[in-house]
C-alpha atoms as a PDB file:
ATOM      1  CA  MET A   1       0.000   0.000   0.000  1.00  0.00           C
ATOM      2  CA  ARG A   2       1.373   3.375  -1.014  1.00  0.00           C
ATOM      3  CA  ILE A   3       1.925   5.852   1.805  1.00  0.00           C
ATOM      4  CA  THR A   4       1.032   9.485   1.207  1.00  0.00           C
ATOM      5  CA  LYS A   5       1.352  12.505   3.480  1.00  0.00           C
ATOM      6  CA  ASN A   6      -1.608  13.489   5.575  1.00  0.00           C
ATOM      7  CA  PHE A   7      -4.349  15.614   4.040  1.00  0.00           C
ATOM      8  CA  THR A   8      -4.921  18.949   5.800  1.00  0.00           C
ATOM      9  CA  VAL A   9      -8.570  19.933   6.109  1.00  0.00           C
ATOM     10  CA  PRO A  10      -9.024  23.628   5.194  1.00  0.00           C
ATOM     11  CA  TYR A  11     -10.650  25.988   7.695  1.00  0.00           C
ATOM     12  CA  ARG A  12     -14.451  25.823   7.694  1.00  0.00           C
ATOM     13  CA  ARG A  13     -14.921  29.383   6.422  1.00  0.00           C
ATOM     14  CA  LYS A  14     -12.482  28.691   3.592  1.00  0.00           C
ATOM     15  CA  ARG A  15     -14.340  25.499   2.633  1.00  0.00           C
ATOM     16  CA  LYS A  16     -17.610  27.430   2.550  1.00  0.00           C
ATOM     17  CA  LYS A  17     -15.975  30.220   0.516  1.00  0.00           C
ATOM     18  CA  LYS A  18     -16.714  32.808   3.183  1.00  0.00           C
ATOM     19  CA  THR A  19     -13.132  33.895   3.939  1.00  0.00           C
ATOM     20  CA  ASP A  20     -10.049  34.201   1.748  1.00  0.00           C
ATOM     21  CA  TYR A  21      -7.420  33.938   4.491  1.00  0.00           C
ATOM     22  CA  LYS A  22      -4.507  34.963   2.282  1.00  0.00           C
ATOM     23  CA  LYS A  23      -6.270  38.146   1.203  1.00  0.00           C
ATOM     24  CA  ARG A  24      -7.511  38.752   4.754  1.00  0.00           C
ATOM     25  CA  LEU A  25      -3.973  38.589   6.142  1.00  0.00           C
ATOM     26  CA  ALA A  26      -2.758  41.143   3.611  1.00  0.00           C
ATOM     27  CA  LEU A  27      -5.602  43.507   4.574  1.00  0.00           C
ATOM     28  CA  ILE A  28      -4.978  43.090   8.296  1.00  0.00           C
ATOM     29  CA  LYS A  29      -1.264  43.863   7.848  1.00  0.00           C
ATOM     30  CA  SER A  30      -2.247  47.305   6.532  1.00  0.00           C
ATOM     31  CA  LYS A  31      -3.589  48.081  10.051  1.00  0.00           C
ATOM     32  CA  LYS A  32      -6.481  49.997   8.480  1.00  0.00           C
ATOM     33  CA  LEU A  33     -10.232  49.624   8.865  1.00  0.00           C
ATOM     34  CA  ARG A  34     -11.824  47.362   6.240  1.00  0.00           C
ATOM     35  CA  LEU A  35     -14.786  48.338   4.096  1.00  0.00           C
ATOM     36  CA  VAL A  36     -16.400  44.927   3.732  1.00  0.00           C
ATOM     37  CA  ILE A  37     -18.719  44.609   0.711  1.00  0.00           C
ATOM     38  CA  ARG A  38     -20.790  41.439   0.319  1.00  0.00           C
ATOM     39  CA  PRO A  39     -23.318  41.354  -2.551  1.00  0.00           C
ATOM     40  CA  SER A  40     -25.993  38.677  -2.937  1.00  0.00           C
ATOM     41  CA  THR A  41     -28.732  38.230  -5.534  1.00  0.00           C
ATOM     42  CA  LYS A  42     -31.250  40.506  -3.823  1.00  0.00           C
ATOM     43  CA  ASN A  43     -29.210  42.415  -1.279  1.00  0.00           C
ATOM     44  CA  ILE A  44     -25.978  44.335  -0.637  1.00  0.00           C
ATOM     45  CA  ARG A  45     -24.404  44.159   2.831  1.00  0.00           C
ATOM     46  CA  MET A  46     -21.640  46.553   3.857  1.00  0.00           C
ATOM     47  CA  GLN A  47     -19.645  46.988   7.057  1.00  0.00           C
ATOM     48  CA  ILE A  48     -16.757  48.981   8.467  1.00  0.00           C
ATOM     49  CA  VAL A  49     -14.720  46.366  10.330  1.00  0.00           C
ATOM     50  CA  LYS A  50     -11.787  46.680  12.731  1.00  0.00           C
ATOM     51  CA  TYR A  51      -9.490  43.727  13.374  1.00  0.00           C
ATOM     52  CA  MET A  52      -9.195  42.708  17.013  1.00  0.00           C
ATOM     53  CA  GLU A  53      -7.284  39.746  18.424  1.00  0.00           C
ATOM     54  CA  ASP A  54     -10.418  38.409  20.095  1.00  0.00           C
ATOM     55  CA  GLY A  55     -12.525  38.847  16.951  1.00  0.00           C
ATOM     56  CA  ASP A  56     -13.401  41.482  14.363  1.00  0.00           C
ATOM     57  CA  ARG A  57     -15.524  44.428  15.512  1.00  0.00           C
ATOM     58  CA  VAL A  58     -18.204  45.938  13.267  1.00  0.00           C
ATOM     59  CA  LEU A  59     -18.096  49.728  13.662  1.00  0.00           C
ATOM     60  CA  ALA A  60     -20.765  50.647  11.091  1.00  0.00           C
ATOM     61  CA  HIS A  61     -23.239  48.599   9.085  1.00  0.00           C
ATOM     62  CA  ALA A  62     -25.728  49.094   6.250  1.00  0.00           C
ATOM     63  CA  THR A  63     -27.760  46.884   3.917  1.00  0.00           C
ATOM     64  CA  SER A  64     -29.888  47.644   0.885  1.00  0.00           C
ATOM     65  CA  MET A  65     -32.905  46.418   2.881  1.00  0.00           C
ATOM     66  CA  GLU A  66     -32.741  49.732   4.762  1.00  0.00           C
ATOM     67  CA  LEU A  67     -33.470  51.588   1.518  1.00  0.00           C
ATOM     68  CA  LYS A  68     -37.080  50.366   1.582  1.00  0.00           C
ATOM     69  CA  LYS A  69     -37.731  52.608   4.593  1.00  0.00           C
ATOM     70  CA  LEU A  70     -36.655  55.529   2.408  1.00  0.00           C
ATOM     71  CA  GLY A  71     -39.057  54.663  -0.413  1.00  0.00           C
ATOM     72  CA  TRP A  72     -36.819  52.513  -2.615  1.00  0.00           C
ATOM     73  CA  GLU A  73     -39.095  50.090  -4.522  1.00  0.00           C
ATOM     74  CA  TYR A  74     -36.696  48.429  -6.940  1.00  0.00           C
ATOM     75  CA  SER A  75     -34.437  45.445  -6.232  1.00  0.00           C
ATOM     76  CA  GLY A  76     -31.913  45.733  -3.425  1.00  0.00           C
ATOM     77  CA  GLY A  77     -29.318  43.855  -5.455  1.00  0.00           C
ATOM     78  CA  ASN A  78     -28.809  46.112  -8.476  1.00  0.00           C
ATOM     79  CA  ILE A  79     -26.185  48.777  -9.176  1.00  0.00           C
ATOM     80  CA  PRO A  80     -28.248  51.829  -8.041  1.00  0.00           C
ATOM     81  CA  ALA A  81     -29.127  50.056  -4.769  1.00  0.00           C
ATOM     82  CA  ALA A  82     -25.443  49.185  -4.271  1.00  0.00           C
ATOM     83  CA  TYR A  83     -24.444  52.839  -4.678  1.00  0.00           C
ATOM     84  CA  LEU A  84     -27.176  54.036  -2.303  1.00  0.00           C
ATOM     85  CA  THR A  85     -26.163  51.426   0.285  1.00  0.00           C
ATOM     86  CA  GLY A  86     -22.547  52.549  -0.030  1.00  0.00           C
ATOM     87  CA  PHE A  87     -23.566  56.180   0.423  1.00  0.00           C
ATOM     88  CA  LEU A  88     -25.689  55.221   3.441  1.00  0.00           C
ATOM     89  CA  LEU A  89     -22.800  53.327   5.029  1.00  0.00           C
ATOM     90  CA  GLY A  90     -20.428  56.190   4.278  1.00  0.00           C
ATOM     91  CA  ARG A  91     -22.678  58.642   6.119  1.00  0.00           C
ATOM     92  CA  LYS A  92     -23.013  56.284   9.089  1.00  0.00           C
ATOM     93  CA  ALA A  93     -19.248  55.712   9.245  1.00  0.00           C
ATOM     94  CA  ILE A  94     -18.357  59.403   9.060  1.00  0.00           C
ATOM     95  CA  ASN A  95     -20.967  60.295  11.693  1.00  0.00           C
ATOM     96  CA  ALA A  96     -19.349  57.662  13.925  1.00  0.00           C
ATOM     97  CA  GLY A  97     -15.895  59.175  13.318  1.00  0.00           C
ATOM     98  CA  TYR A  98     -14.520  56.702  10.752  1.00  0.00           C
ATOM     99  CA  LYS A  99     -13.365  58.117   7.420  1.00  0.00           C
ATOM    100  CA  ASP A 100     -10.388  56.044   6.205  1.00  0.00           C
ATOM    101  CA  ALA A 101     -10.686  52.411   5.096  1.00  0.00           C
ATOM    102  CA  ILE A 102      -9.543  49.870   2.502  1.00  0.00           C
ATOM    103  CA  VAL A 103     -11.821  47.629   0.443  1.00  0.00           C
ATOM    104  CA  ASP A 104     -12.430  44.007   1.396  1.00  0.00           C
ATOM    105  CA  MET A 105     -14.194  42.324  -1.546  1.00  0.00           C
ATOM    106  CA  GLY A 106     -13.931  38.791  -0.209  1.00  0.00           C
ATOM    107  CA  PHE A 107     -14.542  36.248  -2.964  1.00  0.00           C
ATOM    108  CA  SER A 108     -16.316  38.746  -5.247  1.00  0.00           C
ATOM    109  CA  VAL A 109     -14.974  38.817  -8.797  1.00  0.00           C
ATOM    110  CA  SER A 110     -13.328  42.145  -9.584  1.00  0.00           C
ATOM    111  CA  HIS A 111     -14.373  43.677 -12.888  1.00  0.00           C
ATOM    112  CA  ALA A 112     -14.998  47.293 -13.819  1.00  0.00           C
ATOM    113  CA  GLY A 113     -18.418  48.771 -13.136  1.00  0.00           C
ATOM    114  CA  ASN A 114     -19.893  45.931 -11.087  1.00  0.00           C
ATOM    115  CA  ARG A 115     -22.024  46.252  -7.934  1.00  0.00           C
ATOM    116  CA  VAL A 116     -19.035  46.122  -5.599  1.00  0.00           C
ATOM    117  CA  TYR A 117     -17.503  49.175  -7.258  1.00  0.00           C
ATOM    118  CA  ALA A 118     -20.887  50.936  -7.298  1.00  0.00           C
ATOM    119  CA  ALA A 119     -21.073  50.429  -3.517  1.00  0.00           C
ATOM    120  CA  LEU A 120     -17.482  51.662  -3.183  1.00  0.00           C
ATOM    121  CA  LYS A 121     -18.264  54.822  -5.145  1.00  0.00           C
ATOM    122  CA  GLY A 122     -21.244  55.473  -2.889  1.00  0.00           C
ATOM    123  CA  ALA A 123     -19.017  55.352   0.189  1.00  0.00           C
ATOM    124  CA  ILE A 124     -16.438  57.612  -1.489  1.00  0.00           C
ATOM    125  CA  ASP A 125     -19.076  60.154  -2.560  1.00  0.00           C
ATOM    126  CA  ALA A 126     -20.364  60.189   1.021  1.00  0.00           C
ATOM    127  CA  GLY A 127     -16.944  61.512   2.048  1.00  0.00           C
ATOM    128  CA  MET A 128     -14.869  58.445   2.908  1.00  0.00           C
ATOM    129  CA  ASP A 129     -11.196  58.270   1.946  1.00  0.00           C
ATOM    130  CA  ILE A 130     -10.694  54.877   0.281  1.00  0.00           C
ATOM    131  CA  PRO A 131      -7.857  53.989  -2.144  1.00  0.00           C
ATOM    132  CA  HIS A 132      -9.338  53.095  -5.544  1.00  0.00           C
ATOM    133  CA  ASN A 133      -8.880  53.156  -9.314  1.00  0.00           C
ATOM    134  CA  GLU A 134     -11.291  55.582 -11.009  1.00  0.00           C
ATOM    135  CA  LYS A 135     -11.414  53.351 -14.098  1.00  0.00           C
ATOM    136  CA  MET A 136     -13.096  50.579 -12.086  1.00  0.00           C
ATOM    137  CA  LEU A 137     -16.041  52.728 -10.951  1.00  0.00           C
ATOM    138  CA  PRO A 138     -19.313  52.546 -12.932  1.00  0.00           C
ATOM    139  CA  PRO A 139     -20.427  55.579 -14.992  1.00  0.00           C
ATOM    140  CA  GLU A 140     -23.073  57.979 -13.664  1.00  0.00           C
ATOM    141  CA  GLU A 141     -25.796  56.664 -15.996  1.00  0.00           C
ATOM    142  CA  ARG A 142     -25.519  53.109 -14.634  1.00  0.00           C
ATOM    143  CA  ILE A 143     -25.297  54.320 -11.038  1.00  0.00           C
ATOM    144  CA  LYS A 144     -28.611  56.144 -11.433  1.00  0.00           C
ATOM    145  CA  GLY A 145     -30.197  53.148 -13.174  1.00  0.00           C
ATOM    146  CA  GLY A 146     -30.360  54.513 -16.722  1.00  0.00           C
ATOM    147  CA  HIS A 147     -29.664  51.038 -18.152  1.00  0.00           C
ATOM    148  CA  ILE A 148     -32.495  49.568 -16.046  1.00  0.00           C
ATOM    149  CA  LYS A 149     -34.888  52.330 -17.091  1.00  0.00           C
ATOM    150  CA  GLY A 150     -34.179  51.528 -20.752  1.00  0.00           C
ATOM    151  CA  PHE A 151     -34.796  47.825 -20.167  1.00  0.00           C
ATOM    152  CA  VAL A 152     -38.061  48.513 -18.280  1.00  0.00           C
ATOM    153  CA  ASN A 153     -39.333  50.609 -21.192  1.00  0.00           C
ATOM    154  CA  VAL A 154     -38.490  47.883 -23.707  1.00  0.00           C
ATOM    155  CA  VAL A 155     -40.178  45.199 -21.581  1.00  0.00           C
ATOM    156  CA  LYS A 156     -43.339  47.226 -21.022  1.00  0.00           C
ATOM    157  CA  LYS A 157     -43.613  48.065 -24.727  1.00  0.00           C
ATOM    158  CA  GLY A 158     -43.500  44.343 -25.364  1.00  0.00           C
ATOM    159  CA  GLY A 159     -46.539  43.819 -23.131  1.00  0.00           C
ATOM    160  CA  TYR A 160     -44.749  42.158 -20.189  1.00  0.00           C
ATOM    161  CA  LYS A 161     -45.984  44.635 -17.551  1.00  0.00           C
ATOM    162  CA  ASN A 162     -46.169  42.095 -14.728  1.00  0.00           C
ATOM    163  CA  GLN A 163     -42.369  41.824 -14.636  1.00  0.00           C
ATOM    164  CA  PHE A 164     -42.114  45.291 -13.062  1.00  0.00           C
ATOM    165  CA  SER A 165     -45.551  45.540 -11.443  1.00  0.00           C
ATOM    166  CA  LYS A 166     -44.067  46.025  -7.947  1.00  0.00           C
ATOM    167  CA  THR A 167     -42.447  49.311  -8.944  1.00  0.00           C
ATOM    168  CA  LYS A 168     -45.852  50.883  -9.716  1.00  0.00           C
ATOM    169  CA  ASP A 169     -44.515  52.503 -12.887  1.00  0.00           C
ATOM    170  CA  LYS A 170     -42.049  54.637 -10.913  1.00  0.00           C
ATOM    171  CA  ASP A 171     -39.069  55.969 -12.851  1.00  0.00           C
ATOM    172  CA  ILE A 172     -35.962  54.375 -11.300  1.00  0.00           C
ATOM    173  CA  VAL A 173     -33.789  57.429 -12.020  1.00  0.00           C
ATOM    174  CA  SER A 174     -36.211  59.764 -10.205  1.00  0.00           C
ATOM    175  CA  LEU A 175     -36.572  57.252  -7.388  1.00  0.00           C
ATOM    176  CA  PHE A 176     -32.777  57.059  -7.096  1.00  0.00           C
ATOM    177  CA  ASP A 177     -32.494  60.839  -6.821  1.00  0.00           C
ATOM    178  CA  SER A 178     -35.221  61.102  -4.174  1.00  0.00           C
ATOM    179  CA  THR A 179     -33.768  58.234  -2.100  1.00  0.00           C
ATOM    180  CA  LEU A 180     -30.290  59.775  -2.244  1.00  0.00           C
ATOM    181  CA  GLU A 181     -31.682  63.120  -1.074  1.00  0.00           C
ATOM    182  CA  LYS A 182     -33.374  61.407   1.885  1.00  0.00           C
ATOM    183  CA  ILE A 183     -30.056  59.830   2.892  1.00  0.00           C
ATOM    184  CA  LYS A 184     -28.298  63.191   2.601  1.00  0.00           C
ATOM    185  CA  SER A 185     -30.962  64.860   4.731  1.00  0.00           C
ATOM    186  CA  GLY A 186     -30.537  62.230   7.462  1.00  0.00           C
ATOM    187  CA  LYS A 187     -34.012  60.694   7.174  1.00  0.00           C
ATOM    188  CA  GLN A 188     -32.552  57.211   7.628  1.00  0.00           C
ATOM    189  CA  ASP A 189     -31.337  58.279  11.083  1.00  0.00           C
ATOM    190  CA  LYS A 190     -34.824  59.429  12.021  1.00  0.00           C
ATOM    191  CA  ALA A 191     -36.287  56.151  10.739  1.00  0.00           C
ATOM    192  CA  ALA A 192     -33.793  54.180  12.825  1.00  0.00           C
ATOM    193  CA  LYS A 193     -34.641  56.161  15.982  1.00  0.00           C
ATOM    194  CA  LYS A 194     -38.340  55.600  15.396  1.00  0.00           C
ATOM    195  CA  THR A 195     -37.786  51.850  14.924  1.00  0.00           C
ATOM    196  CA  ASN A 196     -35.794  51.702  18.189  1.00  0.00           C
ATOM    197  CA  GLY A 197     -38.413  53.689  20.079  1.00  0.00           C
ATOM    198  CA  LEU A 198     -36.144  56.739  20.416  1.00  0.00           C
ATOM    199  CA  ASP A 199     -38.256  59.164  18.415  1.00  0.00           C
ATOM    200  CA  ASP A 200     -38.833  62.465  20.244  1.00  0.00           C
END
């Protein structure tokens, strides 16, 4: 019988593709806060995370689910929602006293103009200082949902109105602008206080 060296079982989070330990180590060595961006099919989750020896600490958090409280009626997993979530997180982080960070994309594939970079641009536009390459950020038209608006118009002209029935015929570009203004005015903070029973 042939003898082979023992097989090493990878860490659980590596097996489940939740943590890239090599990339994580490089980020931790920078000694900077991490802007963690985790997109899923219907949601975008973002956090400002600080490494601690006894476990990472989340200093600020935002998800695209929070946008619904501000009137957002489109998907929480598209590019405009990613930007708005990034802007929301950026405001929360700055209000908490955190401005500098580096991006932690995890296992997300890096290609120009995707949702991760839309979320990053949102955080940058909110005032955060994050190293980035301008060429990787999506153009303004896609951030505001111009490409989705064009697709909605084509679909509805074809008679498939049920596909976007939940949006109640609302223009995504106008909805983007109004949601962004609500974030800038701090309405998400008021909504959070009301939810927690802290409303004056």
